[in-house]
Amino acid sequence: MAHDIAVIVGSLRKESFNRKFARVLIDLAPASLRMQIVEIGALPLYNQDLDEAGAVVPPAWTAFRERMRAAQGVLFVTPEYNRSVPAVLKNAIDVGSRPYGHSVWAGKPAAVASVSIGAIAGFGANHHLRQSLVFVDMPVLQQPEAYIGGAGSLFDAQGELSNAGTREFAARFIQAYAAWVERLLGRA
């Protein structure tokens, strides 16, 4: 049985390069990983008052927390906004880490890929995200690091990755993540 891996894309844009790259990684994943994008765009902003006794927790939070609790690992694919992660991605991390003591993230093997049209390839977002993941107790794949720059020229008109070198790197990256998952969780 394959490991259940949630893929979280930090961009809500319909034609997001990050979503396209996430799909490439899903397509290249070995049979040991069962990967699915988990949508985060409908999550209401985190408000601790809604996690207090007697409060009505937003159904979207409950569904997200249940899905993430069931996942055995998480692959994050994110753009960079203002040298950090998009607010929607930070919100998803916050929703999943609360209420205190009930985090859905702890111990789940993670990996981070950042995709950008720019030359520094989302380096700031990638490292900011890693800081949050360390705090929520997710062991994060260290190597290879995945910074995909120049994304505007990597995909064809149908949204397929047309750059052979990037495809080869993506295959190595997802294989390394699969090995990381196996190392931490054992064979499925």
N, C-alpha and C. Protein backbone atom coordinates (compact mmCIF):
# COMPACT_ATOMS: atom_id res chain seq x y z
N MET A 1 0.85 -1.18 0.00
CA MET A 1 0.00 0.00 0.00
C MET A 1 0.89 1.24 0.00
N ALA A 2 0.52 2.22 -0.81
CA ALA A 2 1.30 3.45 -0.94
C ALA A 2 1.04 4.39 0.22
N HIS A 3 2.03 5.23 0.50
CA HIS A 3 1.88 6.27 1.53
C HIS A 3 1.01 7.40 1.00
N ASP A 4 0.07 7.86 1.82
CA ASP A 4 -0.84 8.95 1.48
C ASP A 4 -0.13 10.28 1.69
N ILE A 5 0.15 10.98 0.60
CA ILE A 5 0.87 12.25 0.66
C ILE A 5 -0.04 13.37 0.20
N ALA A 6 -0.27 14.34 1.08
CA ALA A 6 -1.04 15.53 0.72
C ALA A 6 -0.10 16.52 0.04
N VAL A 7 -0.56 17.09 -1.05
CA VAL A 7 0.21 18.11 -1.76
C VAL A 7 -0.51 19.43 -1.55
N ILE A 8 0.19 20.39 -0.97
CA ILE A 8 -0.40 21.70 -0.72
C ILE A 8 0.29 22.72 -1.61
N VAL A 9 -0.52 23.37 -2.44
CA VAL A 9 -0.02 24.38 -3.37
C VAL A 9 -0.32 25.75 -2.77
N GLY A 10 0.70 26.58 -2.65
CA GLY A 10 0.56 27.88 -2.01
C GLY A 10 0.02 28.98 -2.89
N SER A 11 -0.41 28.67 -4.08
CA SER A 11 -0.96 29.66 -5.00
C SER A 11 -2.40 29.30 -5.34
N LEU A 12 -3.26 30.29 -5.38
CA LEU A 12 -4.65 30.08 -5.75
C LEU A 12 -4.92 30.37 -7.22
N ARG A 13 -3.95 30.92 -7.91
CA ARG A 13 -4.12 31.30 -9.31
C ARG A 13 -4.40 30.07 -10.17
N LYS A 14 -5.41 30.16 -11.01
CA LYS A 14 -5.85 29.04 -11.85
C LYS A 14 -4.70 28.48 -12.70
N GLU A 15 -3.90 29.33 -13.28
CA GLU A 15 -2.79 28.90 -14.14
C GLU A 15 -1.45 28.97 -13.40
N SER A 16 -1.48 28.76 -12.12
CA SER A 16 -0.28 28.83 -11.28
C SER A 16 0.81 27.88 -11.76
N PHE A 17 2.03 28.41 -11.87
CA PHE A 17 3.18 27.56 -12.19
C PHE A 17 3.42 26.55 -11.08
N ASN A 18 3.10 26.92 -9.85
CA ASN A 18 3.28 26.00 -8.72
C ASN A 18 2.33 24.82 -8.82
N ARG A 19 1.10 25.08 -9.21
CA ARG A 19 0.13 23.99 -9.39
C ARG A 19 0.58 23.09 -10.54
N LYS A 20 1.07 23.69 -11.62
CA LYS A 20 1.57 22.90 -12.75
C LYS A 20 2.74 22.03 -12.32
N PHE A 21 3.66 22.61 -11.54
CA PHE A 21 4.82 21.84 -11.09
C PHE A 21 4.39 20.75 -10.11
N ALA A 22 3.43 21.05 -9.25
CA ALA A 22 2.91 20.03 -8.34
C ALA A 22 2.36 18.84 -9.12
N ARG A 23 1.65 19.12 -10.20
CA ARG A 23 1.11 18.03 -11.03
C ARG A 23 2.22 17.22 -11.68
N VAL A 24 3.30 17.89 -12.07
CA VAL A 24 4.46 17.17 -12.62
C VAL A 24 5.01 16.22 -11.57
N LEU A 25 5.18 16.71 -10.35
CA LEU A 25 5.71 15.87 -9.27
C LEU A 25 4.79 14.69 -8.99
N ILE A 26 3.49 14.94 -9.00
CA ILE A 26 2.52 13.85 -8.79
C ILE A 26 2.67 12.80 -9.89
N ASP A 27 2.80 13.26 -11.13
CA ASP A 27 2.93 12.34 -12.27
C ASP A 27 4.22 11.53 -12.21
N LEU A 28 5.28 12.12 -11.68
CA LEU A 28 6.59 11.46 -11.62
C LEU A 28 6.78 10.62 -10.36
N ALA A 29 5.85 10.72 -9.43
CA ALA A 29 6.01 10.02 -8.14
C ALA A 29 6.03 8.51 -8.33
N PRO A 30 6.86 7.83 -7.55
CA PRO A 30 6.87 6.37 -7.62
C PRO A 30 5.60 5.79 -7.00
N ALA A 31 5.38 4.52 -7.24
CA ALA A 31 4.17 3.85 -6.75
C ALA A 31 4.09 3.82 -5.23
N SER A 32 5.19 4.07 -4.55
CA SER A 32 5.18 4.07 -3.08
C SER A 32 4.48 5.29 -2.49
N LEU A 33 4.19 6.28 -3.34
CA LEU A 33 3.49 7.49 -2.89
C LEU A 33 2.17 7.63 -3.63
N ARG A 34 1.11 7.87 -2.88
CA ARG A 34 -0.20 8.20 -3.45
C ARG A 34 -0.42 9.67 -3.13
N MET A 35 -0.30 10.52 -4.14
CA MET A 35 -0.28 11.97 -3.93
C MET A 35 -1.54 12.63 -4.47
N GLN A 36 -2.05 13.59 -3.69
CA GLN A 36 -3.26 14.31 -4.08
C GLN A 36 -3.17 15.75 -3.58
N ILE A 37 -3.55 16.69 -4.44
CA ILE A 37 -3.58 18.10 -4.03
C ILE A 37 -4.73 18.30 -3.06
N VAL A 38 -4.43 18.95 -1.94
CA VAL A 38 -5.43 19.33 -0.95
C VAL A 38 -5.62 20.84 -1.07
N GLU A 39 -6.83 21.25 -1.39
CA GLU A 39 -7.11 22.68 -1.62
C GLU A 39 -7.17 23.45 -0.29
N ILE A 40 -6.63 24.67 -0.31
CA ILE A 40 -6.59 25.49 0.91
C ILE A 40 -7.26 26.85 0.74
N GLY A 41 -7.74 27.14 -0.45
CA GLY A 41 -8.28 28.46 -0.74
C GLY A 41 -9.56 28.82 0.00
N ALA A 42 -10.33 27.84 0.43
CA ALA A 42 -11.61 28.12 1.10
C ALA A 42 -11.48 28.13 2.63
N LEU A 43 -10.27 27.98 3.15
CA LEU A 43 -10.12 27.98 4.61
C LEU A 43 -10.30 29.39 5.16
N PRO A 44 -11.27 29.60 6.07
CA PRO A 44 -11.38 30.91 6.70
C PRO A 44 -10.10 31.23 7.47
N LEU A 45 -9.80 32.52 7.60
CA LEU A 45 -8.61 32.92 8.34
C LEU A 45 -8.67 32.37 9.76
N TYR A 46 -7.51 31.96 10.26
CA TYR A 46 -7.47 31.39 11.59
C TYR A 46 -7.81 32.46 12.63
N ASN A 47 -8.70 32.10 13.56
CA ASN A 47 -9.10 32.96 14.66
C ASN A 47 -9.24 32.05 15.87
N GLN A 48 -8.39 32.21 16.86
CA GLN A 48 -8.38 31.32 18.02
C GLN A 48 -9.72 31.30 18.75
N ASP A 49 -10.47 32.37 18.69
CA ASP A 49 -11.77 32.39 19.35
C ASP A 49 -12.67 31.25 18.86
N LEU A 50 -12.49 30.86 17.60
CA LEU A 50 -13.34 29.81 17.04
C LEU A 50 -12.92 28.41 17.48
N ASP A 51 -11.77 28.31 18.13
CA ASP A 51 -11.31 27.03 18.68
C ASP A 51 -11.60 26.91 20.17
N GLU A 52 -12.21 27.93 20.75
CA GLU A 52 -12.53 27.91 22.19
C GLU A 52 -13.76 27.05 22.45
N ALA A 53 -13.88 26.56 23.65
CA ALA A 53 -15.02 25.72 24.05
C ALA A 53 -16.34 26.43 23.75
N GLY A 54 -17.24 25.72 23.13
CA GLY A 54 -18.57 26.25 22.82
C GLY A 54 -18.65 27.00 21.51
N ALA A 55 -17.52 27.29 20.89
CA ALA A 55 -17.54 28.02 19.61
C ALA A 55 -17.88 27.06 18.47
N VAL A 56 -18.37 27.63 17.39
CA VAL A 56 -18.66 26.83 16.19
C VAL A 56 -17.43 26.90 15.29
N VAL A 57 -16.76 25.76 15.18
CA VAL A 57 -15.57 25.68 14.34
C VAL A 57 -16.01 25.65 12.87
N PRO A 58 -15.39 26.47 12.03
CA PRO A 58 -15.77 26.45 10.61
C PRO A 58 -15.64 25.04 10.02
N PRO A 59 -16.65 24.57 9.32
CA PRO A 59 -16.59 23.23 8.72
C PRO A 59 -15.37 23.02 7.83
N ALA A 60 -14.92 24.07 7.14
CA ALA A 60 -13.75 23.94 6.27
C ALA A 60 -12.50 23.62 7.10
N TRP A 61 -12.40 24.17 8.31
CA TRP A 61 -11.27 23.85 9.19
C TRP A 61 -11.33 22.38 9.57
N THR A 62 -12.51 21.93 9.96
CA THR A 62 -12.67 20.53 10.40
C THR A 62 -12.31 19.57 9.27
N ALA A 63 -12.80 19.83 8.07
CA ALA A 63 -12.52 18.96 6.93
C ALA A 63 -11.02 18.96 6.61
N PHE A 64 -10.41 20.13 6.63
CA PHE A 64 -8.98 20.23 6.35
C PHE A 64 -8.17 19.49 7.41
N ARG A 65 -8.49 19.70 8.66
CA ARG A 65 -7.76 19.04 9.74
C ARG A 65 -7.90 17.51 9.65
N GLU A 66 -9.08 17.05 9.34
CA GLU A 66 -9.29 15.60 9.21
C GLU A 66 -8.48 15.04 8.04
N ARG A 67 -8.48 15.75 6.91
CA ARG A 67 -7.73 15.28 5.74
C ARG A 67 -6.23 15.26 6.04
N MET A 68 -5.75 16.32 6.70
CA MET A 68 -4.33 16.39 6.99
C MET A 68 -3.93 15.39 8.08
N ARG A 69 -4.80 15.14 9.00
CA ARG A 69 -4.52 14.14 10.04
C ARG A 69 -4.34 12.76 9.40
N ALA A 70 -5.12 12.46 8.36
CA ALA A 70 -5.04 11.17 7.68
C ALA A 70 -3.80 11.06 6.80
N ALA A 71 -3.27 12.18 6.32
CA ALA A 71 -2.09 12.15 5.45
C ALA A 71 -0.88 11.66 6.23
N GLN A 72 -0.04 10.93 5.53
CA GLN A 72 1.18 10.42 6.16
C GLN A 72 2.38 11.33 5.92
N GLY A 73 2.27 12.21 4.96
CA GLY A 73 3.33 13.15 4.65
C GLY A 73 2.76 14.30 3.85
N VAL A 74 3.55 15.36 3.69
CA VAL A 74 3.06 16.55 2.99
C VAL A 74 4.16 17.11 2.10
N LEU A 75 3.79 17.38 0.85
CA LEU A 75 4.65 18.07 -0.10
C LEU A 75 4.08 19.47 -0.30
N PHE A 76 4.88 20.48 -0.03
CA PHE A 76 4.48 21.86 -0.21
C PHE A 76 5.12 22.41 -1.47
N VAL A 77 4.32 23.06 -2.32
CA VAL A 77 4.82 23.69 -3.54
C VAL A 77 4.32 25.13 -3.50
N THR A 78 5.24 26.09 -3.43
CA THR A 78 4.81 27.46 -3.16
C THR A 78 5.53 28.52 -3.98
N PRO A 79 4.81 29.58 -4.31
CA PRO A 79 5.47 30.76 -4.86
C PRO A 79 6.02 31.60 -3.71
N GLU A 80 6.66 32.68 -4.08
CA GLU A 80 7.16 33.63 -3.08
C GLU A 80 6.42 34.94 -3.23
N TYR A 81 5.86 35.42 -2.13
CA TYR A 81 5.23 36.73 -2.11
C TYR A 81 5.99 37.57 -1.08
N ASN A 82 6.61 38.64 -1.53
CA ASN A 82 7.30 39.57 -0.64
C ASN A 82 8.32 38.88 0.26
N ARG A 83 9.10 37.98 -0.32
CA ARG A 83 10.17 37.23 0.35
C ARG A 83 9.66 36.25 1.40
N SER A 84 8.40 35.84 1.29
CA SER A 84 7.84 34.88 2.23
C SER A 84 6.79 34.04 1.52
N VAL A 85 6.06 33.26 2.31
CA VAL A 85 5.01 32.41 1.76
C VAL A 85 3.72 33.21 1.59
N PRO A 86 2.87 32.83 0.67
CA PRO A 86 1.57 33.48 0.53
C PRO A 86 0.74 33.32 1.81
N ALA A 87 -0.09 34.29 2.07
CA ALA A 87 -0.93 34.27 3.28
C ALA A 87 -1.80 33.02 3.35
N VAL A 88 -2.31 32.56 2.21
CA VAL A 88 -3.19 31.40 2.20
C VAL A 88 -2.45 30.16 2.71
N LEU A 89 -1.17 30.03 2.40
CA LEU A 89 -0.38 28.89 2.86
C LEU A 89 -0.07 29.01 4.35
N LYS A 90 0.30 30.18 4.79
CA LYS A 90 0.55 30.39 6.23
C LYS A 90 -0.72 30.12 7.03
N ASN A 91 -1.86 30.55 6.51
CA ASN A 91 -3.13 30.30 7.18
C ASN A 91 -3.40 28.81 7.30
N ALA A 92 -3.13 28.05 6.24
CA ALA A 92 -3.35 26.60 6.29
C ALA A 92 -2.47 25.95 7.36
N ILE A 93 -1.24 26.41 7.46
CA ILE A 93 -0.35 25.88 8.51
C ILE A 93 -0.91 26.22 9.88
N ASP A 94 -1.37 27.44 10.05
CA ASP A 94 -1.94 27.86 11.34
C ASP A 94 -3.20 27.06 11.68
N VAL A 95 -4.09 26.90 10.73
CA VAL A 95 -5.32 26.14 10.97
C VAL A 95 -4.98 24.71 11.38
N GLY A 96 -4.02 24.10 10.71
CA GLY A 96 -3.64 22.73 11.01
C GLY A 96 -2.87 22.56 12.31
N SER A 97 -2.26 23.62 12.80
CA SER A 97 -1.45 23.52 14.02
C SER A 97 -2.25 23.79 15.29
N ARG A 98 -3.51 24.11 15.15
CA ARG A 98 -4.34 24.47 16.29
C ARG A 98 -5.54 23.55 16.40
N PRO A 99 -6.25 23.49 17.52
CA PRO A 99 -5.89 24.15 18.77
C PRO A 99 -4.60 23.58 19.35
N TYR A 100 -3.99 24.34 20.22
CA TYR A 100 -2.71 23.96 20.80
C TYR A 100 -2.77 22.53 21.33
N GLY A 101 -1.75 21.76 20.98
CA GLY A 101 -1.69 20.37 21.41
C GLY A 101 -2.37 19.40 20.47
N HIS A 102 -2.99 19.89 19.41
CA HIS A 102 -3.71 19.03 18.47
C HIS A 102 -3.26 19.25 17.03
N SER A 103 -2.00 19.56 16.83
CA SER A 103 -1.47 19.81 15.50
C SER A 103 -1.59 18.57 14.61
N VAL A 104 -1.97 18.80 13.38
CA VAL A 104 -2.06 17.70 12.40
C VAL A 104 -0.73 17.49 11.69
N TRP A 105 0.26 18.31 11.97
CA TRP A 105 1.52 18.29 11.23
C TRP A 105 2.61 17.43 11.87
N ALA A 106 2.62 17.29 13.16
CA ALA A 106 3.76 16.72 13.89
C ALA A 106 4.19 15.35 13.36
N GLY A 107 5.47 15.24 13.07
CA GLY A 107 6.08 13.98 12.68
C GLY A 107 5.90 13.57 11.23
N LYS A 108 5.17 14.36 10.45
CA LYS A 108 4.92 13.97 9.05
C LYS A 108 6.07 14.43 8.16
N PRO A 109 6.65 13.50 7.39
CA PRO A 109 7.74 13.89 6.50
C PRO A 109 7.27 14.90 5.46
N ALA A 110 8.04 15.97 5.32
CA ALA A 110 7.67 17.05 4.42
C ALA A 110 8.78 17.32 3.41
N ALA A 111 8.41 17.97 2.34
CA ALA A 111 9.36 18.50 1.37
C ALA A 111 8.79 19.81 0.85
N VAL A 112 9.70 20.69 0.42
CA VAL A 112 9.30 22.01 -0.06
C VAL A 112 9.92 22.25 -1.43
N ALA A 113 9.09 22.68 -2.36
CA ALA A 113 9.56 23.16 -3.66
C ALA A 113 8.99 24.55 -3.85
N SER A 114 9.83 25.47 -4.30
CA SER A 114 9.33 26.81 -4.61
C SER A 114 9.54 27.07 -6.09
N VAL A 115 8.51 27.65 -6.70
CA VAL A 115 8.51 27.88 -8.14
C VAL A 115 8.21 29.35 -8.38
N SER A 116 9.01 29.98 -9.24
CA SER A 116 8.86 31.41 -9.47
C SER A 116 9.30 31.75 -10.89
N ILE A 117 8.78 32.85 -11.39
CA ILE A 117 9.25 33.35 -12.69
C ILE A 117 10.61 34.03 -12.52
N GLY A 118 10.94 34.40 -11.30
CA GLY A 118 12.18 35.12 -11.04
C GLY A 118 13.41 34.22 -10.97
N ALA A 119 14.56 34.87 -10.96
CA ALA A 119 15.83 34.16 -10.97
C ALA A 119 16.17 33.51 -9.64
N ILE A 120 15.68 34.06 -8.52
CA ILE A 120 16.03 33.45 -7.23
C ILE A 120 15.05 32.36 -6.83
N ALA A 121 14.08 32.10 -7.66
CA ALA A 121 13.25 30.90 -7.60
C ALA A 121 12.54 30.66 -6.28
N GLY A 122 12.09 31.72 -5.65
CA GLY A 122 11.33 31.55 -4.42
C GLY A 122 12.17 31.14 -3.22
N PHE A 123 13.44 31.47 -3.23
CA PHE A 123 14.35 31.09 -2.15
C PHE A 123 13.83 31.58 -0.79
N GLY A 124 13.35 32.82 -0.72
CA GLY A 124 12.87 33.37 0.55
C GLY A 124 11.66 32.61 1.07
N ALA A 125 10.71 32.31 0.20
CA ALA A 125 9.52 31.56 0.62
C ALA A 125 9.90 30.16 1.07
N ASN A 126 10.79 29.53 0.34
CA ASN A 126 11.21 28.17 0.65
C ASN A 126 11.78 28.12 2.08
N HIS A 127 12.65 29.05 2.40
CA HIS A 127 13.28 29.03 3.72
C HIS A 127 12.36 29.53 4.83
N HIS A 128 11.51 30.48 4.52
CA HIS A 128 10.52 30.91 5.53
C HIS A 128 9.59 29.75 5.88
N LEU A 129 9.15 29.03 4.86
CA LEU A 129 8.27 27.89 5.09
C LEU A 129 8.98 26.82 5.93
N ARG A 130 10.23 26.56 5.62
CA ARG A 130 11.00 25.58 6.40
C ARG A 130 11.04 25.95 7.88
N GLN A 131 11.16 27.24 8.18
CA GLN A 131 11.16 27.67 9.59
C GLN A 131 9.86 27.29 10.28
N SER A 132 8.74 27.53 9.63
CA SER A 132 7.45 27.17 10.21
C SER A 132 7.32 25.67 10.37
N LEU A 133 7.79 24.92 9.38
CA LEU A 133 7.66 23.46 9.43
C LEU A 133 8.50 22.87 10.55
N VAL A 134 9.66 23.44 10.80
CA VAL A 134 10.47 22.98 11.95
C VAL A 134 9.69 23.20 13.24
N PHE A 135 9.06 24.36 13.37
CA PHE A 135 8.32 24.65 14.60
C PHE A 135 7.13 23.71 14.80
N VAL A 136 6.44 23.33 13.73
CA VAL A 136 5.29 22.43 13.87
C VAL A 136 5.72 20.96 13.85
N ASP A 137 7.02 20.72 13.96
CA ASP A 137 7.60 19.40 14.15
C ASP A 137 7.47 18.48 12.94
N MET A 138 7.69 19.06 11.76
CA MET A 138 7.71 18.26 10.54
C MET A 138 9.15 18.06 10.10
N PRO A 139 9.61 16.82 10.00
CA PRO A 139 10.96 16.61 9.46
C PRO A 139 10.95 16.90 7.96
N VAL A 140 11.78 17.85 7.54
CA VAL A 140 11.77 18.35 6.16
C VAL A 140 12.97 17.80 5.39
N LEU A 141 12.71 17.28 4.20
CA LEU A 141 13.77 16.83 3.31
C LEU A 141 14.76 17.97 3.12
N GLN A 142 16.03 17.69 3.38
CA GLN A 142 17.06 18.73 3.26
C GLN A 142 17.66 18.83 1.86
N GLN A 143 17.90 17.68 1.24
CA GLN A 143 18.53 17.65 -0.08
C GLN A 143 17.83 16.65 -0.97
N PRO A 144 17.59 16.93 -2.19
CA PRO A 144 17.97 18.17 -2.86
C PRO A 144 16.97 19.29 -2.53
N GLU A 145 17.48 20.50 -2.49
CA GLU A 145 16.60 21.65 -2.34
C GLU A 145 15.96 21.90 -3.70
N ALA A 146 14.73 22.38 -3.70
CA ALA A 146 14.01 22.58 -4.96
C ALA A 146 13.60 24.04 -5.12
N TYR A 147 14.38 24.75 -5.90
CA TYR A 147 14.10 26.13 -6.28
C TYR A 147 13.98 26.15 -7.79
N ILE A 148 12.77 26.36 -8.29
CA ILE A 148 12.53 26.32 -9.73
C ILE A 148 12.31 27.75 -10.21
N GLY A 149 13.32 28.32 -10.86
CA GLY A 149 13.23 29.69 -11.38
C GLY A 149 12.89 29.70 -12.85
N GLY A 150 12.58 30.88 -13.36
CA GLY A 150 12.27 31.03 -14.78
C GLY A 150 11.06 30.24 -15.22
N ALA A 151 10.10 30.07 -14.32
CA ALA A 151 8.95 29.19 -14.58
C ALA A 151 8.13 29.62 -15.80
N GLY A 152 8.17 30.89 -16.15
CA GLY A 152 7.40 31.36 -17.29
C GLY A 152 7.79 30.72 -18.61
N SER A 153 9.00 30.16 -18.68
CA SER A 153 9.45 29.54 -19.93
C SER A 153 9.57 28.02 -19.83
N LEU A 154 9.11 27.43 -18.74
CA LEU A 154 9.28 25.99 -18.53
C LEU A 154 8.10 25.14 -18.98
N PHE A 155 6.95 25.77 -19.19
CA PHE A 155 5.72 25.03 -19.52
C PHE A 155 5.22 25.42 -20.91
N ASP A 156 4.64 24.43 -21.61
CA ASP A 156 4.10 24.72 -22.94
C ASP A 156 2.67 25.27 -22.81
N ALA A 157 2.03 25.50 -23.94
CA ALA A 157 0.68 26.10 -23.97
C ALA A 157 -0.36 25.22 -23.28
N GLN A 158 -0.11 23.91 -23.20
CA GLN A 158 -1.05 22.99 -22.54
C GLN A 158 -0.74 22.85 -21.04
N GLY A 159 0.27 23.58 -20.55
CA GLY A 159 0.62 23.51 -19.14
C GLY A 159 1.55 22.37 -18.79
N GLU A 160 2.10 21.71 -19.81
CA GLU A 160 3.02 20.59 -19.57
C GLU A 160 4.44 21.12 -19.44
N LEU A 161 5.21 20.51 -18.56
CA LEU A 161 6.61 20.88 -18.38
C LEU A 161 7.37 20.50 -19.65
N SER A 162 7.93 21.49 -20.33
CA SER A 162 8.59 21.24 -21.61
C SER A 162 10.11 21.29 -21.50
N ASN A 163 10.63 21.60 -20.33
CA ASN A 163 12.07 21.69 -20.14
C ASN A 163 12.60 20.36 -19.61
N ALA A 164 13.42 19.68 -20.42
CA ALA A 164 13.91 18.34 -20.07
C ALA A 164 14.76 18.36 -18.80
N GLY A 165 15.61 19.35 -18.65
CA GLY A 165 16.46 19.42 -17.46
C GLY A 165 15.64 19.59 -16.18
N THR A 166 14.61 20.40 -16.25
CA THR A 166 13.75 20.59 -15.08
C THR A 166 12.97 19.31 -14.79
N ARG A 167 12.53 18.62 -15.82
CA ARG A 167 11.83 17.34 -15.62
C ARG A 167 12.76 16.32 -14.95
N GLU A 168 14.00 16.26 -15.39
CA GLU A 168 14.97 15.34 -14.78
C GLU A 168 15.18 15.69 -13.31
N PHE A 169 15.31 16.99 -13.02
CA PHE A 169 15.47 17.41 -11.63
C PHE A 169 14.23 17.05 -10.82
N ALA A 170 13.05 17.30 -11.37
CA ALA A 170 11.80 16.98 -10.66
C ALA A 170 11.74 15.49 -10.34
N ALA A 171 12.16 14.65 -11.26
CA ALA A 171 12.16 13.20 -11.02
C ALA A 171 13.12 12.84 -9.88
N ARG A 172 14.31 13.44 -9.87
CA ARG A 172 15.26 13.18 -8.78
C ARG A 172 14.71 13.67 -7.44
N PHE A 173 14.08 14.84 -7.47
CA PHE A 173 13.52 15.42 -6.24
C PHE A 173 12.43 14.53 -5.66
N ILE A 174 11.49 14.09 -6.48
CA ILE A 174 10.39 13.27 -5.95
C ILE A 174 10.88 11.89 -5.53
N GLN A 175 11.91 11.37 -6.18
CA GLN A 175 12.50 10.11 -5.74
C GLN A 175 13.18 10.28 -4.38
N ALA A 176 13.85 11.41 -4.19
CA ALA A 176 14.49 11.69 -2.90
C ALA A 176 13.43 11.83 -1.81
N TYR A 177 12.32 12.47 -2.14
CA TYR A 177 11.25 12.60 -1.15
C TYR A 177 10.66 11.24 -0.81
N ALA A 178 10.47 10.40 -1.81
CA ALA A 178 9.94 9.05 -1.56
C ALA A 178 10.88 8.27 -0.65
N ALA A 179 12.17 8.41 -0.85
CA ALA A 179 13.15 7.74 0.01
C ALA A 179 13.10 8.30 1.42
N TRP A 180 12.88 9.61 1.54
CA TRP A 180 12.76 10.27 2.84
C TRP A 180 11.52 9.73 3.58
N VAL A 181 10.42 9.64 2.89
CA VAL A 181 9.20 9.10 3.49
C VAL A 181 9.43 7.67 3.95
N GLU A 182 10.04 6.87 3.10
CA GLU A 182 10.30 5.47 3.46
C GLU A 182 11.24 5.38 4.67
N ARG A 183 12.24 6.24 4.69
CA ARG A 183 13.18 6.24 5.82
C ARG A 183 12.47 6.55 7.14
N LEU A 184 11.55 7.51 7.10
CA LEU A 184 10.87 7.93 8.32
C LEU A 184 9.67 7.06 8.69
N LEU A 185 8.97 6.54 7.69
CA LEU A 185 7.74 5.81 7.97
C LEU A 185 7.85 4.31 7.71
N GLY A 186 8.86 3.89 6.98
CA GLY A 186 8.98 2.48 6.62
C GLY A 186 8.19 2.19 5.36
N ARG A 187 8.34 1.00 4.90
CA ARG A 187 7.62 0.60 3.67
C ARG A 187 6.12 0.54 3.91
N ALA A 188 5.39 0.96 2.89
CA ALA A 188 3.91 0.95 3.00
C ALA A 188 3.38 -0.47 2.97
